[in-house]
């Protein structure tokens, strides 16, 4: 039984180390390693009594704590962490060719967002004030951060 307990401790510590250094997260290796260590401690309590069981439990806990401390000191997490920052946006270089004052037609209802057509191309647009019905003539009043703001050509409605 002593060999079984020793093998369970070795396997458990090995699996915990694999979880800490190679596959961080809560995966099969970590759960299996903790399970093997718990079984080893329970077997040692049942077979050899509280003195040996407590000693095995302290060795197991010390091994896990040392593995975690060693993992943090070796900066294992920095090797696995993503350090690049993605600050780009979709279609950032694809600015609309529409200029202020251009006139087009609402293809869908603008409530406040919708689709409009300018020179045969459709664009997503937004109104500032009121809703615009499909088919109404609209005019570009502002372009801000790839958002095209429009208003109806006939504001008297």
N, C-alpha and C. Protein backbone atom coordinates (compact mmCIF):
# COMPACT_ATOMS: atom_id res chain seq x y z
N UNK A 1 0.82 -1.20 0.00
CA UNK A 1 0.00 0.00 0.00
C UNK A 1 0.86 1.26 0.00
N UNK A 2 2.04 1.19 0.58
CA UNK A 2 2.93 2.35 0.62
C UNK A 2 3.36 2.76 -0.79
N UNK A 3 3.57 1.75 -1.65
CA UNK A 3 3.96 2.05 -3.03
C UNK A 3 2.79 2.74 -3.76
N UNK A 4 1.59 2.27 -3.51
CA UNK A 4 0.40 2.88 -4.13
C UNK A 4 0.26 4.33 -3.70
N UNK A 5 0.43 4.59 -2.42
CA UNK A 5 0.33 5.96 -1.92
C UNK A 5 1.42 6.83 -2.52
N UNK A 6 2.65 6.30 -2.58
CA UNK A 6 3.76 7.06 -3.16
C UNK A 6 3.52 7.35 -4.64
N UNK A 7 3.00 6.37 -5.37
CA UNK A 7 2.70 6.57 -6.79
C UNK A 7 1.57 7.60 -6.98
N UNK A 8 0.57 7.54 -6.11
CA UNK A 8 -0.51 8.53 -6.20
C UNK A 8 0.02 9.93 -5.91
N UNK A 9 0.89 10.07 -4.92
CA UNK A 9 1.47 11.38 -4.61
C UNK A 9 2.30 11.87 -5.79
N UNK A 10 3.16 11.00 -6.32
CA UNK A 10 4.01 11.39 -7.45
C UNK A 10 3.16 11.78 -8.66
N UNK A 11 2.17 10.95 -8.97
CA UNK A 11 1.29 11.24 -10.11
C UNK A 11 0.51 12.53 -9.89
N UNK A 12 -0.01 12.71 -8.69
CA UNK A 12 -0.77 13.92 -8.39
C UNK A 12 0.08 15.17 -8.51
N UNK A 13 1.28 15.15 -7.93
CA UNK A 13 2.17 16.31 -8.03
C UNK A 13 2.58 16.57 -9.48
N UNK A 14 2.82 15.49 -10.23
CA UNK A 14 3.18 15.63 -11.64
C UNK A 14 2.03 16.27 -12.44
N UNK A 15 0.82 15.80 -12.20
CA UNK A 15 -0.32 16.36 -12.92
C UNK A 15 -0.59 17.81 -12.52
N UNK A 16 -0.41 18.14 -11.25
CA UNK A 16 -0.57 19.53 -10.81
C UNK A 16 0.50 20.40 -11.46
N UNK A 17 1.72 19.90 -11.54
CA UNK A 17 2.80 20.65 -12.19
C UNK A 17 2.50 20.85 -13.67
N UNK A 18 1.99 19.83 -14.33
CA UNK A 18 1.62 19.96 -15.74
C UNK A 18 0.54 21.03 -15.89
N UNK A 19 -0.42 21.02 -14.99
CA UNK A 19 -1.49 22.02 -15.04
C UNK A 19 -0.94 23.43 -14.83
N UNK A 20 -0.01 23.58 -13.93
CA UNK A 20 0.53 24.91 -13.63
C UNK A 20 1.44 25.40 -14.75
N UNK A 21 2.32 24.54 -15.26
CA UNK A 21 3.35 24.99 -16.19
C UNK A 21 3.00 24.84 -17.66
N UNK A 22 2.22 23.83 -18.00
CA UNK A 22 1.99 23.57 -19.43
C UNK A 22 0.58 23.91 -19.89
N UNK A 23 -0.41 23.59 -19.11
CA UNK A 23 -1.80 23.82 -19.54
C UNK A 23 -2.57 24.56 -18.45
N UNK A 24 -2.29 25.86 -18.26
CA UNK A 24 -2.98 26.58 -17.19
C UNK A 24 -4.48 26.66 -17.42
N UNK A 25 -5.19 26.70 -16.34
CA UNK A 25 -6.64 26.69 -16.37
C UNK A 25 -7.11 25.57 -15.47
N UNK A 26 -8.37 25.27 -15.54
CA UNK A 26 -8.90 24.15 -14.75
C UNK A 26 -9.22 23.05 -15.75
N UNK A 27 -8.25 22.16 -15.94
CA UNK A 27 -8.42 21.12 -16.92
C UNK A 27 -8.28 19.74 -16.31
N UNK A 28 -8.17 18.77 -17.18
CA UNK A 28 -8.07 17.37 -16.76
C UNK A 28 -6.86 17.15 -15.87
N UNK A 29 -5.73 17.72 -16.22
CA UNK A 29 -4.51 17.49 -15.44
C UNK A 29 -4.65 18.01 -14.02
N UNK A 30 -5.18 19.21 -13.86
CA UNK A 30 -5.33 19.77 -12.52
C UNK A 30 -6.33 19.02 -11.67
N UNK A 31 -7.47 18.68 -12.25
CA UNK A 31 -8.49 17.94 -11.51
C UNK A 31 -7.99 16.54 -11.17
N UNK A 32 -7.34 15.90 -12.14
CA UNK A 32 -6.80 14.56 -11.88
C UNK A 32 -5.69 14.58 -10.83
N UNK A 33 -4.85 15.61 -10.89
CA UNK A 33 -3.77 15.72 -9.91
C UNK A 33 -4.28 15.94 -8.51
N UNK A 34 -5.23 16.84 -8.35
CA UNK A 34 -5.83 17.08 -7.03
C UNK A 34 -6.54 15.82 -6.54
N UNK A 35 -7.23 15.15 -7.44
CA UNK A 35 -7.91 13.90 -7.07
C UNK A 35 -6.94 12.84 -6.60
N UNK A 36 -5.83 12.68 -7.30
CA UNK A 36 -4.83 11.69 -6.91
C UNK A 36 -4.22 12.04 -5.55
N UNK A 37 -3.99 13.31 -5.30
CA UNK A 37 -3.42 13.73 -4.02
C UNK A 37 -4.42 13.51 -2.88
N UNK A 38 -5.68 13.77 -3.11
CA UNK A 38 -6.69 13.54 -2.08
C UNK A 38 -6.82 12.05 -1.78
N UNK A 39 -6.81 11.23 -2.83
CA UNK A 39 -6.90 9.77 -2.63
C UNK A 39 -5.69 9.26 -1.87
N UNK A 40 -4.51 9.79 -2.19
CA UNK A 40 -3.30 9.38 -1.47
C UNK A 40 -3.40 9.73 0.01
N UNK A 41 -3.89 10.92 0.31
CA UNK A 41 -4.03 11.33 1.71
C UNK A 41 -5.06 10.46 2.43
N UNK A 42 -6.19 10.17 1.78
CA UNK A 42 -7.23 9.34 2.40
C UNK A 42 -6.70 7.93 2.64
N UNK A 43 -6.01 7.35 1.65
CA UNK A 43 -5.43 6.01 1.82
C UNK A 43 -4.43 5.98 2.96
N UNK A 44 -3.61 7.02 3.07
CA UNK A 44 -2.61 7.02 4.14
C UNK A 44 -3.28 7.15 5.51
N UNK A 45 -4.35 7.91 5.63
CA UNK A 45 -5.08 7.99 6.90
C UNK A 45 -5.72 6.64 7.23
N UNK A 46 -6.34 6.00 6.23
CA UNK A 46 -7.04 4.73 6.47
C UNK A 46 -6.06 3.59 6.77
N UNK A 47 -4.91 3.58 6.12
CA UNK A 47 -3.99 2.46 6.26
C UNK A 47 -3.05 2.63 7.45
N UNK A 48 -2.48 3.81 7.64
CA UNK A 48 -1.41 3.99 8.62
C UNK A 48 -1.81 4.84 9.83
N UNK A 49 -3.02 5.36 9.84
CA UNK A 49 -3.48 6.11 11.00
C UNK A 49 -3.27 7.60 10.85
N UNK A 50 -3.67 8.35 11.90
CA UNK A 50 -3.65 9.81 11.81
C UNK A 50 -2.26 10.42 11.77
N UNK A 51 -1.27 9.81 12.39
CA UNK A 51 0.07 10.39 12.41
C UNK A 51 0.67 10.38 11.00
N UNK A 52 0.69 9.23 10.38
CA UNK A 52 1.25 9.12 9.02
C UNK A 52 0.37 9.85 8.03
N UNK A 53 -0.95 9.77 8.21
CA UNK A 53 -1.87 10.47 7.32
C UNK A 53 -1.65 11.97 7.35
N UNK A 54 -1.46 12.52 8.54
CA UNK A 54 -1.19 13.96 8.67
C UNK A 54 0.13 14.32 8.02
N UNK A 55 1.13 13.47 8.20
CA UNK A 55 2.45 13.71 7.58
C UNK A 55 2.34 13.70 6.06
N UNK A 56 1.63 12.74 5.51
CA UNK A 56 1.44 12.67 4.06
C UNK A 56 0.66 13.89 3.58
N UNK A 57 -0.34 14.30 4.32
CA UNK A 57 -1.13 15.47 3.94
C UNK A 57 -0.26 16.72 3.92
N UNK A 58 0.61 16.88 4.92
CA UNK A 58 1.51 18.04 4.94
C UNK A 58 2.49 18.00 3.78
N UNK A 59 3.00 16.82 3.44
CA UNK A 59 3.92 16.71 2.30
C UNK A 59 3.21 17.06 1.00
N UNK A 60 1.99 16.58 0.86
CA UNK A 60 1.21 16.87 -0.35
C UNK A 60 0.95 18.37 -0.46
N UNK A 61 0.48 18.99 0.62
CA UNK A 61 0.21 20.42 0.58
C UNK A 61 1.48 21.23 0.33
N UNK A 62 2.58 20.84 0.95
CA UNK A 62 3.85 21.54 0.73
C UNK A 62 4.29 21.40 -0.72
N UNK A 63 4.10 20.24 -1.32
CA UNK A 63 4.46 20.05 -2.72
C UNK A 63 3.65 20.91 -3.65
N UNK A 64 2.35 21.02 -3.39
CA UNK A 64 1.49 21.85 -4.23
C UNK A 64 1.86 23.33 -4.06
N UNK A 65 2.07 23.77 -2.82
CA UNK A 65 2.43 25.16 -2.58
C UNK A 65 3.77 25.50 -3.23
N UNK A 66 4.75 24.60 -3.12
CA UNK A 66 6.05 24.84 -3.76
C UNK A 66 5.93 24.89 -5.28
N UNK A 67 5.10 24.05 -5.85
CA UNK A 67 4.91 24.06 -7.31
C UNK A 67 4.28 25.38 -7.76
N UNK A 68 3.31 25.87 -7.00
CA UNK A 68 2.67 27.13 -7.35
C UNK A 68 3.65 28.29 -7.22
N UNK A 69 4.41 28.31 -6.11
CA UNK A 69 5.40 29.38 -5.92
C UNK A 69 6.45 29.34 -7.02
N UNK A 70 6.93 28.16 -7.34
CA UNK A 70 7.92 28.03 -8.40
C UNK A 70 7.34 28.49 -9.74
N UNK A 71 6.10 28.17 -9.97
CA UNK A 71 5.46 28.59 -11.22
C UNK A 71 5.37 30.10 -11.34
N UNK A 72 5.08 30.79 -10.23
CA UNK A 72 5.01 32.25 -10.28
C UNK A 72 6.39 32.88 -10.38
N UNK A 73 7.38 32.28 -9.76
CA UNK A 73 8.73 32.86 -9.82
C UNK A 73 9.35 32.69 -11.20
N UNK A 74 9.04 31.65 -11.88
CA UNK A 74 9.60 31.41 -13.21
C UNK A 74 8.86 32.21 -14.27
N UNK A 75 7.88 32.96 -13.88
CA UNK A 75 7.09 33.79 -14.78
C UNK A 75 6.46 32.97 -15.91
N UNK A 76 5.96 31.81 -15.53
CA UNK A 76 5.31 30.93 -16.50
C UNK A 76 4.12 31.62 -17.16
N UNK A 77 3.40 32.40 -16.38
CA UNK A 77 2.19 33.04 -16.89
C UNK A 77 2.52 34.08 -17.95
N UNK A 78 3.67 34.74 -17.83
CA UNK A 78 4.03 35.75 -18.83
C UNK A 78 4.31 35.12 -20.19
N UNK A 79 4.78 33.89 -20.20
CA UNK A 79 5.02 33.21 -21.47
C UNK A 79 3.70 32.87 -22.16
N UNK A 80 2.67 32.66 -21.38
CA UNK A 80 1.39 32.25 -21.94
C UNK A 80 0.43 33.40 -22.18
N UNK A 81 0.71 34.54 -21.56
CA UNK A 81 -0.20 35.68 -21.66
C UNK A 81 -0.05 36.41 -22.99
N UNK A 82 -1.14 36.91 -23.50
CA UNK A 82 -1.14 37.70 -24.72
C UNK A 82 -0.73 39.13 -24.36
N UNK A 83 0.33 39.61 -24.97
CA UNK A 83 0.85 40.94 -24.64
C UNK A 83 0.55 41.96 -25.73
N UNK A 84 0.20 41.52 -26.91
CA UNK A 84 -0.09 42.43 -28.01
C UNK A 84 -1.45 43.09 -27.79
N UNK A 85 -1.55 44.33 -28.18
CA UNK A 85 -2.80 45.07 -28.07
C UNK A 85 -3.32 45.31 -29.48
N UNK A 86 -4.56 44.94 -29.70
CA UNK A 86 -5.19 45.15 -30.99
C UNK A 86 -6.02 46.42 -30.91
N UNK A 87 -5.52 47.49 -31.50
CA UNK A 87 -6.25 48.75 -31.44
C UNK A 87 -6.81 49.15 -32.80
N UNK A 88 -6.83 48.23 -33.72
CA UNK A 88 -7.37 48.55 -35.05
C UNK A 88 -8.87 48.34 -35.07
N UNK A 89 -9.49 48.84 -36.11
CA UNK A 89 -10.93 48.72 -36.27
C UNK A 89 -11.23 48.14 -37.65
N UNK A 90 -12.40 47.61 -37.79
CA UNK A 90 -12.82 47.06 -39.06
C UNK A 90 -13.00 48.19 -40.06
N UNK A 91 -12.48 48.01 -41.24
CA UNK A 91 -12.62 48.97 -42.34
C UNK A 91 -12.09 50.35 -41.98
N UNK A 92 -11.05 50.42 -41.19
CA UNK A 92 -10.52 51.70 -40.77
C UNK A 92 -9.99 52.50 -41.95
N UNK A 93 -9.40 51.81 -42.90
CA UNK A 93 -8.85 52.50 -44.06
C UNK A 93 -9.87 52.63 -45.19
N UNK A 94 -11.06 52.13 -44.98
CA UNK A 94 -12.09 52.11 -46.00
C UNK A 94 -13.11 53.21 -45.73
N UNK A 95 -12.67 54.44 -45.81
CA UNK A 95 -13.56 55.56 -45.48
C UNK A 95 -14.53 55.81 -46.63
N UNK A 96 -15.75 56.23 -46.28
CA UNK A 96 -16.73 56.49 -47.34
C UNK A 96 -16.29 57.67 -48.20
N UNK A 97 -16.66 57.61 -49.47
CA UNK A 97 -16.28 58.67 -50.40
C UNK A 97 -17.34 59.77 -50.44
N UNK A 98 -18.25 59.71 -49.52
CA UNK A 98 -19.33 60.70 -49.46
C UNK A 98 -18.81 61.94 -48.74
N UNK A 99 -19.23 63.09 -49.23
CA UNK A 99 -18.84 64.34 -48.59
C UNK A 99 -20.08 65.04 -48.04
N UNK A 100 -19.85 66.07 -47.25
CA UNK A 100 -20.95 66.83 -46.67
C UNK A 100 -21.79 67.46 -47.77
N UNK A 101 -23.08 67.43 -47.58
CA UNK A 101 -23.99 68.04 -48.54
C UNK A 101 -24.47 67.10 -49.63
N UNK A 102 -23.88 65.91 -49.74
CA UNK A 102 -24.32 64.95 -50.77
C UNK A 102 -25.76 64.57 -50.51
N UNK A 103 -26.51 64.37 -51.58
CA UNK A 103 -27.90 63.98 -51.45
C UNK A 103 -28.08 62.56 -51.95
N UNK A 104 -28.94 61.83 -51.24
CA UNK A 104 -29.24 60.46 -51.60
C UNK A 104 -30.67 60.13 -51.24
N UNK A 105 -30.95 58.82 -51.13
CA UNK A 105 -32.30 58.39 -50.85
C UNK A 105 -32.26 57.29 -49.79
N UNK A 106 -33.20 57.35 -48.86
CA UNK A 106 -33.30 56.33 -47.81
C UNK A 106 -33.81 55.03 -48.42
N UNK A 107 -33.03 53.97 -48.31
CA UNK A 107 -33.43 52.67 -48.84
C UNK A 107 -34.31 51.94 -47.83
N UNK A 108 -34.07 52.19 -46.54
CA UNK A 108 -34.90 51.62 -45.49
C UNK A 108 -35.37 52.76 -44.60
N UNK A 109 -36.27 52.45 -43.68
CA UNK A 109 -36.68 53.45 -42.70
C UNK A 109 -35.49 53.75 -41.80
N UNK A 110 -35.25 55.02 -41.55
CA UNK A 110 -34.13 55.43 -40.67
C UNK A 110 -34.73 55.74 -39.31
N UNK A 111 -34.51 54.85 -38.34
CA UNK A 111 -35.14 54.98 -37.03
C UNK A 111 -34.15 54.73 -35.92
N UNK A 112 -33.20 55.44 -35.55
CA UNK A 112 -32.53 56.48 -36.31
C UNK A 112 -31.52 55.91 -37.30
N UNK A 113 -31.14 54.61 -37.15
CA UNK A 113 -30.20 54.00 -38.10
C UNK A 113 -30.97 53.36 -39.24
N UNK A 114 -30.32 53.27 -40.37
CA UNK A 114 -30.91 52.62 -41.51
C UNK A 114 -29.93 52.63 -42.67
N UNK A 115 -30.46 52.31 -43.84
CA UNK A 115 -29.62 52.22 -45.04
C UNK A 115 -30.06 53.27 -46.04
N UNK A 116 -29.06 53.90 -46.65
CA UNK A 116 -29.33 54.92 -47.66
C UNK A 116 -28.45 54.65 -48.87
N UNK A 117 -28.89 55.19 -50.01
CA UNK A 117 -28.15 55.00 -51.25
C UNK A 117 -27.63 56.36 -51.73
N UNK A 118 -26.32 56.38 -52.02
CA UNK A 118 -25.66 57.55 -52.60
C UNK A 118 -24.88 57.07 -53.82
N UNK A 119 -25.17 57.63 -54.97
CA UNK A 119 -24.46 57.31 -56.22
C UNK A 119 -24.44 55.82 -56.51
N UNK A 120 -25.55 55.12 -56.24
CA UNK A 120 -25.66 53.70 -56.57
C UNK A 120 -25.07 52.76 -55.54
N UNK A 121 -24.49 53.29 -54.46
CA UNK A 121 -23.94 52.45 -53.39
C UNK A 121 -24.74 52.65 -52.12
N UNK A 122 -24.90 51.58 -51.35
CA UNK A 122 -25.65 51.69 -50.10
C UNK A 122 -24.69 51.86 -48.93
N UNK A 123 -25.11 52.65 -47.96
CA UNK A 123 -24.33 52.94 -46.75
C UNK A 123 -25.26 52.88 -45.55
N UNK A 124 -24.70 52.56 -44.41
CA UNK A 124 -25.46 52.66 -43.16
C UNK A 124 -25.36 54.10 -42.69
N UNK A 125 -26.51 54.69 -42.39
CA UNK A 125 -26.55 56.09 -42.00
C UNK A 125 -27.37 56.24 -40.72
N UNK A 126 -27.28 57.43 -40.15
CA UNK A 126 -28.01 57.73 -38.92
C UNK A 126 -28.59 59.14 -39.00
N UNK A 127 -29.78 59.29 -38.45
CA UNK A 127 -30.39 60.62 -38.39
C UNK A 127 -30.13 61.23 -37.01
N UNK A 128 -30.13 62.55 -36.97
CA UNK A 128 -29.94 63.25 -35.70
C UNK A 128 -31.24 63.43 -34.95
N UNK A 129 -32.26 63.87 -35.68
CA UNK A 129 -33.46 64.33 -34.98
C UNK A 129 -34.64 63.39 -35.15
N UNK A 130 -35.17 63.32 -36.33
CA UNK A 130 -36.43 62.59 -36.49
C UNK A 130 -36.23 61.36 -37.38
N UNK A 131 -37.23 60.51 -37.38
CA UNK A 131 -37.21 59.34 -38.23
C UNK A 131 -37.45 59.76 -39.68
N UNK A 132 -36.88 58.96 -40.58
CA UNK A 132 -37.04 59.23 -42.01
C UNK A 132 -37.62 57.98 -42.64
N UNK A 133 -38.65 58.16 -43.45
CA UNK A 133 -39.29 57.02 -44.11
C UNK A 133 -38.50 56.60 -45.35
N UNK A 134 -38.69 55.35 -45.71
CA UNK A 134 -38.04 54.81 -46.90
C UNK A 134 -38.47 55.60 -48.13
N UNK A 135 -37.51 55.89 -49.00
CA UNK A 135 -37.79 56.60 -50.24
C UNK A 135 -37.60 58.10 -50.15
N UNK A 136 -37.49 58.64 -48.94
CA UNK A 136 -37.32 60.09 -48.80
C UNK A 136 -35.91 60.50 -49.22
N UNK A 137 -35.84 61.71 -49.76
CA UNK A 137 -34.54 62.28 -50.12
C UNK A 137 -33.86 62.75 -48.83
N UNK A 138 -32.57 62.47 -48.73
CA UNK A 138 -31.80 62.85 -47.55
C UNK A 138 -30.52 63.55 -47.97
N UNK A 139 -29.90 64.23 -47.01
CA UNK A 139 -28.68 64.98 -47.27
C UNK A 139 -27.70 64.70 -46.11
N UNK A 140 -26.41 64.54 -46.45
CA UNK A 140 -25.38 64.30 -45.44
C UNK A 140 -25.08 65.62 -44.73
N UNK A 141 -25.18 65.59 -43.39
CA UNK A 141 -24.91 66.80 -42.61
C UNK A 141 -23.63 66.69 -41.79
N UNK A 142 -23.16 65.44 -41.56
CA UNK A 142 -21.95 65.27 -40.76
C UNK A 142 -21.44 63.84 -40.93
N UNK A 143 -20.11 63.69 -40.91
CA UNK A 143 -19.49 62.37 -40.90
C UNK A 143 -18.56 62.34 -39.70
N UNK A 144 -18.86 61.45 -38.75
CA UNK A 144 -18.09 61.39 -37.51
C UNK A 144 -17.71 59.94 -37.23
N UNK A 145 -16.40 59.66 -37.28
CA UNK A 145 -15.89 58.33 -36.94
C UNK A 145 -16.60 57.23 -37.73
N UNK A 146 -16.65 57.37 -39.02
CA UNK A 146 -17.25 56.40 -39.94
C UNK A 146 -18.78 56.34 -39.83
N UNK A 147 -19.38 57.23 -39.10
CA UNK A 147 -20.84 57.28 -39.03
C UNK A 147 -21.31 58.46 -39.87
N UNK A 148 -22.22 58.17 -40.79
CA UNK A 148 -22.75 59.20 -41.68
C UNK A 148 -24.07 59.68 -41.11
N UNK A 149 -24.14 60.95 -40.74
CA UNK A 149 -25.36 61.54 -40.21
C UNK A 149 -26.09 62.26 -41.35
N UNK A 150 -27.40 62.03 -41.42
CA UNK A 150 -28.20 62.61 -42.50
C UNK A 150 -29.44 63.29 -41.91
N UNK A 151 -30.06 64.08 -42.75
CA UNK A 151 -31.35 64.69 -42.42
C UNK A 151 -32.16 64.73 -43.70
N UNK A 152 -33.48 64.80 -43.57
CA UNK A 152 -34.31 64.88 -44.76
C UNK A 152 -34.07 66.18 -45.51
N UNK A 153 -34.18 66.14 -46.81
CA UNK A 153 -33.96 67.35 -47.62
C UNK A 153 -35.06 68.35 -47.33
N UNK A 154 -36.30 67.91 -47.21
CA UNK A 154 -37.43 68.79 -46.90
C UNK A 154 -37.64 68.77 -45.40
N UNK A 155 -37.06 69.74 -44.68
CA UNK A 155 -37.19 69.78 -43.23
C UNK A 155 -38.56 70.29 -42.78
N UNK A 156 -39.32 70.83 -43.68
CA UNK A 156 -40.62 71.42 -43.32
C UNK A 156 -41.67 70.36 -42.99
N UNK A 157 -41.42 69.10 -43.28
CA UNK A 157 -42.43 68.05 -43.07
C UNK A 157 -42.67 67.82 -41.63
